[in-house]
Amino acid sequence: MGFDKHWKRIAELDNTKELGINDSKVRNFGTVGTLHQLMPKMRNLSLERNLIYSWEQIIHAGTELPILEQLNVSYNRLIIPEDLPS
């Protein structure tokens, strides 16, 4: 795709319902409100093989995207919290 086509897709992100951002070195989702502002209609988000390590980021995504049905975070290195109840 040409550069113009990429910018058009980014500009239309607020209407996107499915998106795959795989192998892109995503580490976090930014400040509170950013995800909802960028992708309010997101239902299916794939973030395979990125740098997400915190379960807090997964919770962040879930609260920012209230109509999200599927979130794929396979092959990230999520750390198990030390204070996890047994």
PDB file of N, CA and C in Angstrom:
ATOM      1  N   MET A   1       0.826  -1.184   0.000  1.00  0.00           N
ATOM      2  CA  MET A   1       0.000   0.000   0.000  1.00  0.00           C
ATOM      3  C   MET A   1       0.871   1.249   0.000  1.00  0.00           C
ATOM      4  N   GLY A   2       0.382   2.267  -0.652  1.00  0.00           N
ATOM      5  CA  GLY A   2       1.082   3.539  -0.628  1.00  0.00           C
ATOM      6  C   GLY A   2       0.835   4.278   0.673  1.00  0.00           C
ATOM      7  N   PHE A   3       1.644   5.268   0.941  1.00  0.00           N
ATOM      8  CA  PHE A   3       1.560   6.042   2.178  1.00  0.00           C
ATOM      9  C   PHE A   3       0.184   6.688   2.343  1.00  0.00           C
ATOM     10  N   ASP A   4      -0.393   7.209   1.261  1.00  0.00           N
ATOM     11  CA  ASP A   4      -1.713   7.844   1.322  1.00  0.00           C
ATOM     12  C   ASP A   4      -2.790   6.867   1.775  1.00  0.00           C
ATOM     13  N   LYS A   5      -2.701   5.631   1.313  1.00  0.00           N
ATOM     14  CA  LYS A   5      -3.688   4.621   1.708  1.00  0.00           C
ATOM     15  C   LYS A   5      -3.589   4.324   3.202  1.00  0.00           C
ATOM     16  N   HIS A   6      -2.360   4.303   3.747  1.00  0.00           N
ATOM     17  CA  HIS A   6      -2.197   4.070   5.180  1.00  0.00           C
ATOM     18  C   HIS A   6      -2.828   5.197   5.990  1.00  0.00           C
ATOM     19  N   TRP A   7      -2.613   6.433   5.592  1.00  0.00           N
ATOM     20  CA  TRP A   7      -3.190   7.563   6.314  1.00  0.00           C
ATOM     21  C   TRP A   7      -4.706   7.526   6.259  1.00  0.00           C
ATOM     22  N   LYS A   8      -5.262   7.106   5.142  1.00  0.00           N
ATOM     23  CA  LYS A   8      -6.721   7.006   5.027  1.00  0.00           C
ATOM     24  C   LYS A   8      -7.258   5.965   6.008  1.00  0.00           C
ATOM     25  N   ARG A   9      -6.567   4.835   6.115  1.00  0.00           N
ATOM     26  CA  ARG A   9      -7.000   3.789   7.053  1.00  0.00           C
ATOM     27  C   ARG A   9      -6.906   4.273   8.492  1.00  0.00           C
ATOM     28  N   ILE A  10      -5.853   5.018   8.813  1.00  0.00           N
ATOM     29  CA  ILE A  10      -5.700   5.552  10.165  1.00  0.00           C
ATOM     30  C   ILE A  10      -6.812   6.553  10.456  1.00  0.00           C
ATOM     31  N   ALA A  11      -7.141   7.397   9.484  1.00  0.00           N
ATOM     32  CA  ALA A  11      -8.186   8.403   9.676  1.00  0.00           C
ATOM     33  C   ALA A  11      -9.551   7.760   9.886  1.00  0.00           C
ATOM     34  N   GLU A  12      -9.748   6.558   9.367  1.00  0.00           N
ATOM     35  CA  GLU A  12     -11.029   5.866   9.496  1.00  0.00           C
ATOM     36  C   GLU A  12     -11.045   4.865  10.648  1.00  0.00           C
ATOM     37  N   LEU A  13     -10.051   4.912  11.509  1.00  0.00           N
ATOM     38  CA  LEU A  13      -9.927   3.965  12.611  1.00  0.00           C
ATOM     39  C   LEU A  13     -11.122   4.019  13.558  1.00  0.00           C
ATOM     40  N   ASP A  14     -11.762   5.171  13.686  1.00  0.00           N
ATOM     41  CA  ASP A  14     -12.893   5.288  14.600  1.00  0.00           C
ATOM     42  C   ASP A  14     -14.107   4.489  14.133  1.00  0.00           C
ATOM     43  N   ASN A  15     -14.128   4.029  12.883  1.00  0.00           N
ATOM     44  CA  ASN A  15     -15.214   3.189  12.383  1.00  0.00           C
ATOM     45  C   ASN A  15     -14.806   1.722  12.254  1.00  0.00           C
ATOM     46  N   THR A  16     -13.566   1.417  12.584  1.00  0.00           N
ATOM     47  CA  THR A  16     -13.039   0.061  12.437  1.00  0.00           C
ATOM     48  C   THR A  16     -13.585  -0.847  13.534  1.00  0.00           C
ATOM     49  N   LYS A  17     -14.006  -2.058  13.137  1.00  0.00           N
ATOM     50  CA  LYS A  17     -14.541  -3.029  14.097  1.00  0.00           C
ATOM     51  C   LYS A  17     -13.574  -4.181  14.343  1.00  0.00           C
ATOM     52  N   GLU A  18     -12.661  -4.426  13.399  1.00  0.00           N
ATOM     53  CA  GLU A  18     -11.675  -5.495  13.533  1.00  0.00           C
ATOM     54  C   GLU A  18     -10.307  -4.958  13.126  1.00  0.00           C
ATOM     55  N   LEU A  19      -9.287  -5.337  13.900  1.00  0.00           N
ATOM     56  CA  LEU A  19      -7.949  -4.840  13.603  1.00  0.00           C
ATOM     57  C   LEU A  19      -6.912  -5.821  14.122  1.00  0.00           C
ATOM     58  N   GLY A  20      -5.889  -6.064  13.327  1.00  0.00           N
ATOM     59  CA  GLY A  20      -4.760  -6.884  13.748  1.00  0.00           C
ATOM     60  C   GLY A  20      -3.497  -6.041  13.731  1.00  0.00           C
ATOM     61  N   ILE A  21      -2.886  -5.898  14.890  1.00  0.00           N
ATOM     62  CA  ILE A  21      -1.616  -5.186  15.008  1.00  0.00           C
ATOM     63  C   ILE A  21      -0.624  -6.192  15.586  1.00  0.00           C
ATOM     64  N   ASN A  22      -0.128  -7.050  14.733  1.00  0.00           N
ATOM     65  CA  ASN A  22       0.735  -8.137  15.165  1.00  0.00           C
ATOM     66  C   ASN A  22       2.190  -7.833  14.822  1.00  0.00           C
ATOM     67  N   ASP A  23       3.098  -8.328  15.651  1.00  0.00           N
ATOM     68  CA  ASP A  23       4.542  -8.144  15.435  1.00  0.00           C
ATOM     69  C   ASP A  23       4.902  -6.671  15.256  1.00  0.00           C
ATOM     70  N   SER A  24       4.336  -5.809  16.072  1.00  0.00           N
ATOM     71  CA  SER A  24       4.540  -4.363  15.897  1.00  0.00           C
ATOM     72  C   SER A  24       5.173  -3.675  17.097  1.00  0.00           C
ATOM     73  N   LYS A  25       5.654  -4.449  18.047  1.00  0.00           N
ATOM     74  CA  LYS A  25       6.333  -3.924  19.236  1.00  0.00           C
ATOM     75  C   LYS A  25       5.446  -3.019  20.090  1.00  0.00           C
ATOM     76  N   VAL A  26       4.137  -3.307  20.107  1.00  0.00           N
ATOM     77  CA  VAL A  26       3.221  -2.568  20.976  1.00  0.00           C
ATOM     78  C   VAL A  26       3.524  -2.967  22.409  1.00  0.00           C
ATOM     79  N   ARG A  27       3.734  -1.980  23.272  1.00  0.00           N
ATOM     80  CA  ARG A  27       4.075  -2.236  24.670  1.00  0.00           C
ATOM     81  C   ARG A  27       2.952  -1.801  25.614  1.00  0.00           C
ATOM     82  N   ASN A  28       2.247  -0.722  25.268  1.00  0.00           N
ATOM     83  CA  ASN A  28       1.144  -0.259  26.110  1.00  0.00           C
ATOM     84  C   ASN A  28       0.140   0.480  25.243  1.00  0.00           C
ATOM     85  N   PHE A  29      -0.950   0.898  25.846  1.00  0.00           N
ATOM     86  CA  PHE A  29      -2.056   1.498  25.107  1.00  0.00           C
ATOM     87  C   PHE A  29      -2.200   2.991  25.339  1.00  0.00           C
ATOM     88  N   GLY A  30      -1.200   3.614  25.912  1.00  0.00           N
ATOM     89  CA  GLY A  30      -1.253   5.058  26.103  1.00  0.00           C
ATOM     90  C   GLY A  30      -2.059   5.469  27.320  1.00  0.00           C
ATOM     91  N   THR A  31      -2.392   6.742  27.381  1.00  0.00           N
ATOM     92  CA  THR A  31      -3.117   7.280  28.534  1.00  0.00           C
ATOM     93  C   THR A  31      -4.590   6.878  28.496  1.00  0.00           C
ATOM     94  N   VAL A  32      -5.229   6.957  29.635  1.00  0.00           N
ATOM     95  CA  VAL A  32      -6.646   6.619  29.756  1.00  0.00           C
ATOM     96  C   VAL A  32      -7.456   7.493  28.802  1.00  0.00           C
ATOM     97  N   GLY A  33      -8.334   6.860  28.046  1.00  0.00           N
ATOM     98  CA  GLY A  33      -9.189   7.564  27.098  1.00  0.00           C
ATOM     99  C   GLY A  33      -8.715   7.461  25.659  1.00  0.00           C
ATOM    100  N   THR A  34      -7.440   7.146  25.467  1.00  0.00           N
ATOM    101  CA  THR A  34      -6.886   7.109  24.108  1.00  0.00           C
ATOM    102  C   THR A  34      -7.519   6.015  23.256  1.00  0.00           C
ATOM    103  N   LEU A  35      -7.575   4.785  23.773  1.00  0.00           N
ATOM    104  CA  LEU A  35      -8.134   3.685  22.985  1.00  0.00           C
ATOM    105  C   LEU A  35      -9.580   3.942  22.604  1.00  0.00           C
ATOM    106  N   HIS A  36     -10.375   4.370  23.562  1.00  0.00           N
ATOM    107  CA  HIS A  36     -11.794   4.608  23.268  1.00  0.00           C
ATOM    108  C   HIS A  36     -11.957   5.723  22.242  1.00  0.00           C
ATOM    109  N   GLN A  37     -11.141   6.745  22.335  1.00  0.00           N
ATOM    110  CA  GLN A  37     -11.219   7.854  21.383  1.00  0.00           C
ATOM    111  C   GLN A  37     -10.822   7.396  19.972  1.00  0.00           C
ATOM    112  N   LEU A  38      -9.798   6.567  19.869  1.00  0.00           N
ATOM    113  CA  LEU A  38      -9.326   6.105  18.564  1.00  0.00           C
ATOM    114  C   LEU A  38     -10.203   5.026  17.939  1.00  0.00           C
ATOM    115  N   MET A  39     -10.706   4.100  18.790  1.00  0.00           N
ATOM    116  CA  MET A  39     -11.397   2.918  18.261  1.00  0.00           C
ATOM    117  C   MET A  39     -12.687   2.615  19.015  1.00  0.00           C
ATOM    118  N   PRO A  40     -13.652   3.519  19.042  1.00  0.00           N
ATOM    119  CA  PRO A  40     -14.849   3.300  19.857  1.00  0.00           C
ATOM    120  C   PRO A  40     -15.725   2.131  19.410  1.00  0.00           C
ATOM    121  N   LYS A  41     -15.589   1.670  18.170  1.00  0.00           N
ATOM    122  CA  LYS A  41     -16.436   0.595  17.650  1.00  0.00           C
ATOM    123  C   LYS A  41     -15.706  -0.744  17.548  1.00  0.00           C
ATOM    124  N   MET A  42     -14.528  -0.833  18.147  1.00  0.00           N
ATOM    125  CA  MET A  42     -13.703  -2.040  18.039  1.00  0.00           C
ATOM    126  C   MET A  42     -14.364  -3.224  18.729  1.00  0.00           C
ATOM    127  N   ARG A  43     -14.486  -4.324  17.990  1.00  0.00           N
ATOM    128  CA  ARG A  43     -15.064  -5.556  18.520  1.00  0.00           C
ATOM    129  C   ARG A  43     -14.055  -6.698  18.563  1.00  0.00           C
ATOM    130  N   ASN A  44     -13.072  -6.665  17.670  1.00  0.00           N
ATOM    131  CA  ASN A  44     -12.107  -7.757  17.576  1.00  0.00           C
ATOM    132  C   ASN A  44     -10.724  -7.152  17.372  1.00  0.00           C
ATOM    133  N   LEU A  45      -9.843  -7.319  18.345  1.00  0.00           N
ATOM    134  CA  LEU A  45      -8.508  -6.735  18.290  1.00  0.00           C
ATOM    135  C   LEU A  45      -7.466  -7.817  18.525  1.00  0.00           C
ATOM    136  N   SER A  46      -6.545  -7.957  17.580  1.00  0.00           N
ATOM    137  CA  SER A  46      -5.477  -8.931  17.701  1.00  0.00           C
ATOM    138  C   SER A  46      -4.156  -8.203  17.904  1.00  0.00           C
ATOM    139  N   LEU A  47      -3.469  -8.551  18.978  1.00  0.00           N
ATOM    140  CA  LEU A  47      -2.178  -7.949  19.317  1.00  0.00           C
ATOM    141  C   LEU A  47      -1.130  -9.042  19.540  1.00  0.00           C
ATOM    142  N   GLU A  48      -1.124 -10.037  18.675  1.00  0.00           N
ATOM    143  CA  GLU A  48      -0.183 -11.155  18.808  1.00  0.00           C
ATOM    144  C   GLU A  48       1.255 -10.699  18.619  1.00  0.00           C
ATOM    145  N   ARG A  49       2.151 -11.357  19.351  1.00  0.00           N
ATOM    146  CA  ARG A  49       3.604 -11.171  19.215  1.00  0.00           C
ATOM    147  C   ARG A  49       4.033  -9.712  19.358  1.00  0.00           C
ATOM    148  N   ASN A  50       3.596  -9.085  20.415  1.00  0.00           N
ATOM    149  CA  ASN A  50       4.020  -7.724  20.724  1.00  0.00           C
ATOM    150  C   ASN A  50       4.808  -7.741  22.024  1.00  0.00           C
ATOM    151  N   LEU A  51       4.925  -6.612  22.665  1.00  0.00           N
ATOM    152  CA  LEU A  51       5.721  -6.493  23.890  1.00  0.00           C
ATOM    153  C   LEU A  51       4.858  -6.221  25.119  1.00  0.00           C
ATOM    154  N   ILE A  52       3.609  -6.623  25.063  1.00  0.00           N
ATOM    155  CA  ILE A  52       2.705  -6.413  26.192  1.00  0.00           C
ATOM    156  C   ILE A  52       3.114  -7.374  27.305  1.00  0.00           C
ATOM    157  N   TYR A  53       3.360  -6.840  28.490  1.00  0.00           N
ATOM    158  CA  TYR A  53       3.834  -7.670  29.596  1.00  0.00           C
ATOM    159  C   TYR A  53       2.944  -7.557  30.831  1.00  0.00           C
ATOM    160  N   SER A  54       2.067  -6.576  30.870  1.00  0.00           N
ATOM    161  CA  SER A  54       1.301  -6.284  32.068  1.00  0.00           C
ATOM    162  C   SER A  54      -0.184  -6.616  31.900  1.00  0.00           C
ATOM    163  N   TRP A  55      -0.717  -7.363  32.869  1.00  0.00           N
ATOM    164  CA  TRP A  55      -2.153  -7.645  32.868  1.00  0.00           C
ATOM    165  C   TRP A  55      -2.952  -6.361  33.058  1.00  0.00           C
ATOM    166  N   GLU A  56      -2.350  -5.359  33.662  1.00  0.00           N
ATOM    167  CA  GLU A  56      -3.020  -4.066  33.813  1.00  0.00           C
ATOM    168  C   GLU A  56      -3.325  -3.454  32.455  1.00  0.00           C
ATOM    169  N   GLN A  57      -2.464  -3.677  31.470  1.00  0.00           N
ATOM    170  CA  GLN A  57      -2.725  -3.185  30.121  1.00  0.00           C
ATOM    171  C   GLN A  57      -3.912  -3.914  29.493  1.00  0.00           C
ATOM    172  N   ILE A  58      -4.068  -5.195  29.781  1.00  0.00           N
ATOM    173  CA  ILE A  58      -5.203  -5.957  29.260  1.00  0.00           C
ATOM    174  C   ILE A  58      -6.493  -5.414  29.870  1.00  0.00           C
ATOM    175  N   ILE A  59      -6.482  -5.155  31.172  1.00  0.00           N
ATOM    176  CA  ILE A  59      -7.648  -4.563  31.842  1.00  0.00           C
ATOM    177  C   ILE A  59      -7.934  -3.185  31.265  1.00  0.00           C
ATOM    178  N   HIS A  60      -6.882  -2.415  31.012  1.00  0.00           N
ATOM    179  CA  HIS A  60      -7.011  -1.092  30.397  1.00  0.00           C
ATOM    180  C   HIS A  60      -7.761  -1.210  29.069  1.00  0.00           C
ATOM    181  N   ALA A  61      -7.360  -2.144  28.220  1.00  0.00           N
ATOM    182  CA  ALA A  61      -8.015  -2.341  26.924  1.00  0.00           C
ATOM    183  C   ALA A  61      -9.481  -2.721  27.110  1.00  0.00           C
ATOM    184  N   GLY A  62      -9.750  -3.597  28.060  1.00  0.00           N
ATOM    185  CA  GLY A  62     -11.126  -4.027  28.304  1.00  0.00           C
ATOM    186  C   GLY A  62     -12.038  -2.917  28.779  1.00  0.00           C
ATOM    187  N   THR A  63     -11.522  -2.018  29.581  1.00  0.00           N
ATOM    188  CA  THR A  63     -12.356  -0.916  30.076  1.00  0.00           C
ATOM    189  C   THR A  63     -12.493   0.195  29.041  1.00  0.00           C
ATOM    190  N   GLU A  64     -11.477   0.394  28.221  1.00  0.00           N
ATOM    191  CA  GLU A  64     -11.514   1.442  27.193  1.00  0.00           C
ATOM    192  C   GLU A  64     -12.388   1.045  26.002  1.00  0.00           C
ATOM    193  N   LEU A  65     -12.501  -0.245  25.750  1.00  0.00           N
ATOM    194  CA  LEU A  65     -13.246  -0.743  24.593  1.00  0.00           C
ATOM    195  C   LEU A  65     -14.413  -1.600  25.088  1.00  0.00           C
ATOM    196  N   PRO A  66     -15.491  -0.980  25.543  1.00  0.00           N
ATOM    197  CA  PRO A  66     -16.573  -1.706  26.204  1.00  0.00           C
ATOM    198  C   PRO A  66     -17.339  -2.693  25.318  1.00  0.00           C
ATOM    199  N   ILE A  67     -17.298  -2.547  24.002  1.00  0.00           N
ATOM    200  CA  ILE A  67     -18.006  -3.508  23.147  1.00  0.00           C
ATOM    201  C   ILE A  67     -17.052  -4.545  22.548  1.00  0.00           C
ATOM    202  N   LEU A  68     -15.808  -4.569  23.035  1.00  0.00           N
ATOM    203  CA  LEU A  68     -14.817  -5.536  22.572  1.00  0.00           C
ATOM    204  C   LEU A  68     -15.299  -6.951  22.891  1.00  0.00           C
ATOM    205  N   GLU A  69     -15.296  -7.813  21.885  1.00  0.00           N
ATOM    206  CA  GLU A  69     -15.721  -9.199  22.055  1.00  0.00           C
ATOM    207  C   GLU A  69     -14.536 -10.154  22.094  1.00  0.00           C
ATOM    208  N   GLN A  70     -13.477  -9.822  21.340  1.00  0.00           N
ATOM    209  CA  GLN A  70     -12.300 -10.684  21.288  1.00  0.00           C
ATOM    210  C   GLN A  70     -11.039  -9.842  21.368  1.00  0.00           C
ATOM    211  N   LEU A  71     -10.133 -10.281  22.217  1.00  0.00           N
ATOM    212  CA  LEU A  71      -8.826  -9.649  22.336  1.00  0.00           C
ATOM    213  C   LEU A  71      -7.794 -10.765  22.331  1.00  0.00           C
ATOM    214  N   ASN A  72      -6.965 -10.796  21.300  1.00  0.00           N
ATOM    215  CA  ASN A  72      -5.945 -11.834  21.176  1.00  0.00           C
ATOM    216  C   ASN A  72      -4.595 -11.243  21.560  1.00  0.00           C
ATOM    217  N   VAL A  73      -4.022 -11.742  22.637  1.00  0.00           N
ATOM    218  CA  VAL A  73      -2.709 -11.299  23.082  1.00  0.00           C
ATOM    219  C   VAL A  73      -1.730 -12.486  23.144  1.00  0.00           C
ATOM    220  N   SER A  74      -1.932 -13.449  22.261  1.00  0.00           N
ATOM    221  CA  SER A  74      -1.057 -14.616  22.203  1.00  0.00           C
ATOM    222  C   SER A  74       0.380 -14.206  21.926  1.00  0.00           C
ATOM    223  N   TYR A  75       1.305 -14.949  22.506  1.00  0.00           N
ATOM    224  CA  TYR A  75       2.738 -14.786  22.292  1.00  0.00           C
ATOM    225  C   TYR A  75       3.288 -13.452  22.809  1.00  0.00           C
ATOM    226  N   ASN A  76       2.604 -12.848  23.760  1.00  0.00           N
ATOM    227  CA  ASN A  76       3.165 -11.727  24.509  1.00  0.00           C
ATOM    228  C   ASN A  76       3.739 -12.322  25.785  1.00  0.00           C
ATOM    229  N   ARG A  77       4.563 -11.596  26.478  1.00  0.00           N
ATOM    230  CA  ARG A  77       5.196 -12.114  27.696  1.00  0.00           C
ATOM    231  C   ARG A  77       4.536 -11.500  28.929  1.00  0.00           C
ATOM    232  N   LEU A  78       3.288 -11.892  29.158  1.00  0.00           N
ATOM    233  CA  LEU A  78       2.541 -11.375  30.301  1.00  0.00           C
ATOM    234  C   LEU A  78       3.101 -11.942  31.597  1.00  0.00           C
ATOM    235  N   ILE A  79       3.395 -11.057  32.513  1.00  0.00           N
ATOM    236  CA  ILE A  79       3.974 -11.444  33.808  1.00  0.00           C
ATOM    237  C   ILE A  79       2.855 -11.780  34.776  1.00  0.00           C
ATOM    238  N   ILE A  80       2.991 -12.898  35.450  1.00  0.00           N
ATOM    239  CA  ILE A  80       2.010 -13.299  36.466  1.00  0.00           C
ATOM    240  C   ILE A  80       2.275 -12.448  37.715  1.00  0.00           C
ATOM    241  N   PRO A  81       1.262 -11.726  38.202  1.00  0.00           N
ATOM    242  CA  PRO A  81       1.476 -10.865  39.375  1.00  0.00           C
ATOM    243  C   PRO A  81       1.876 -11.677  40.607  1.00  0.00           C
ATOM    244  N   GLU A  82       2.768 -11.127  41.417  1.00  0.00           N
ATOM    245  CA  GLU A  82       3.227 -11.811  42.620  1.00  0.00           C
ATOM    246  C   GLU A  82       2.126 -11.912  43.670  1.00  0.00           C
ATOM    247  N   ASP A  83       1.215 -10.943  43.689  1.00  0.00           N
ATOM    248  CA  ASP A  83       0.165 -10.916  44.708  1.00  0.00           C
ATOM    249  C   ASP A  83      -1.108 -11.629  44.243  1.00  0.00           C
ATOM    250  N   LEU A  84      -0.987 -12.562  43.298  1.00  0.00           N
ATOM    251  CA  LEU A  84      -2.123 -13.310  42.795  1.00  0.00           C
ATOM    252  C   LEU A  84      -2.651 -14.233  43.899  1.00  0.00           C
ATOM    253  N   PRO A  85      -3.959 -14.134  44.196  1.00  0.00           N
ATOM    254  CA  PRO A  85      -4.512 -15.033  45.237  1.00  0.00           C
ATOM    255  C   PRO A  85      -4.404 -16.484  44.811  1.00  0.00           C
ATOM    256  N   SER A  86      -4.114 -17.369  45.791  1.00  0.00           N
ATOM    257  CA  SER A  86      -3.984 -18.787  45.460  1.00  0.00           C
ATOM    258  C   SER A  86      -5.263 -19.539  45.645  1.00  0.00           C
TER     259      SER A  86
END
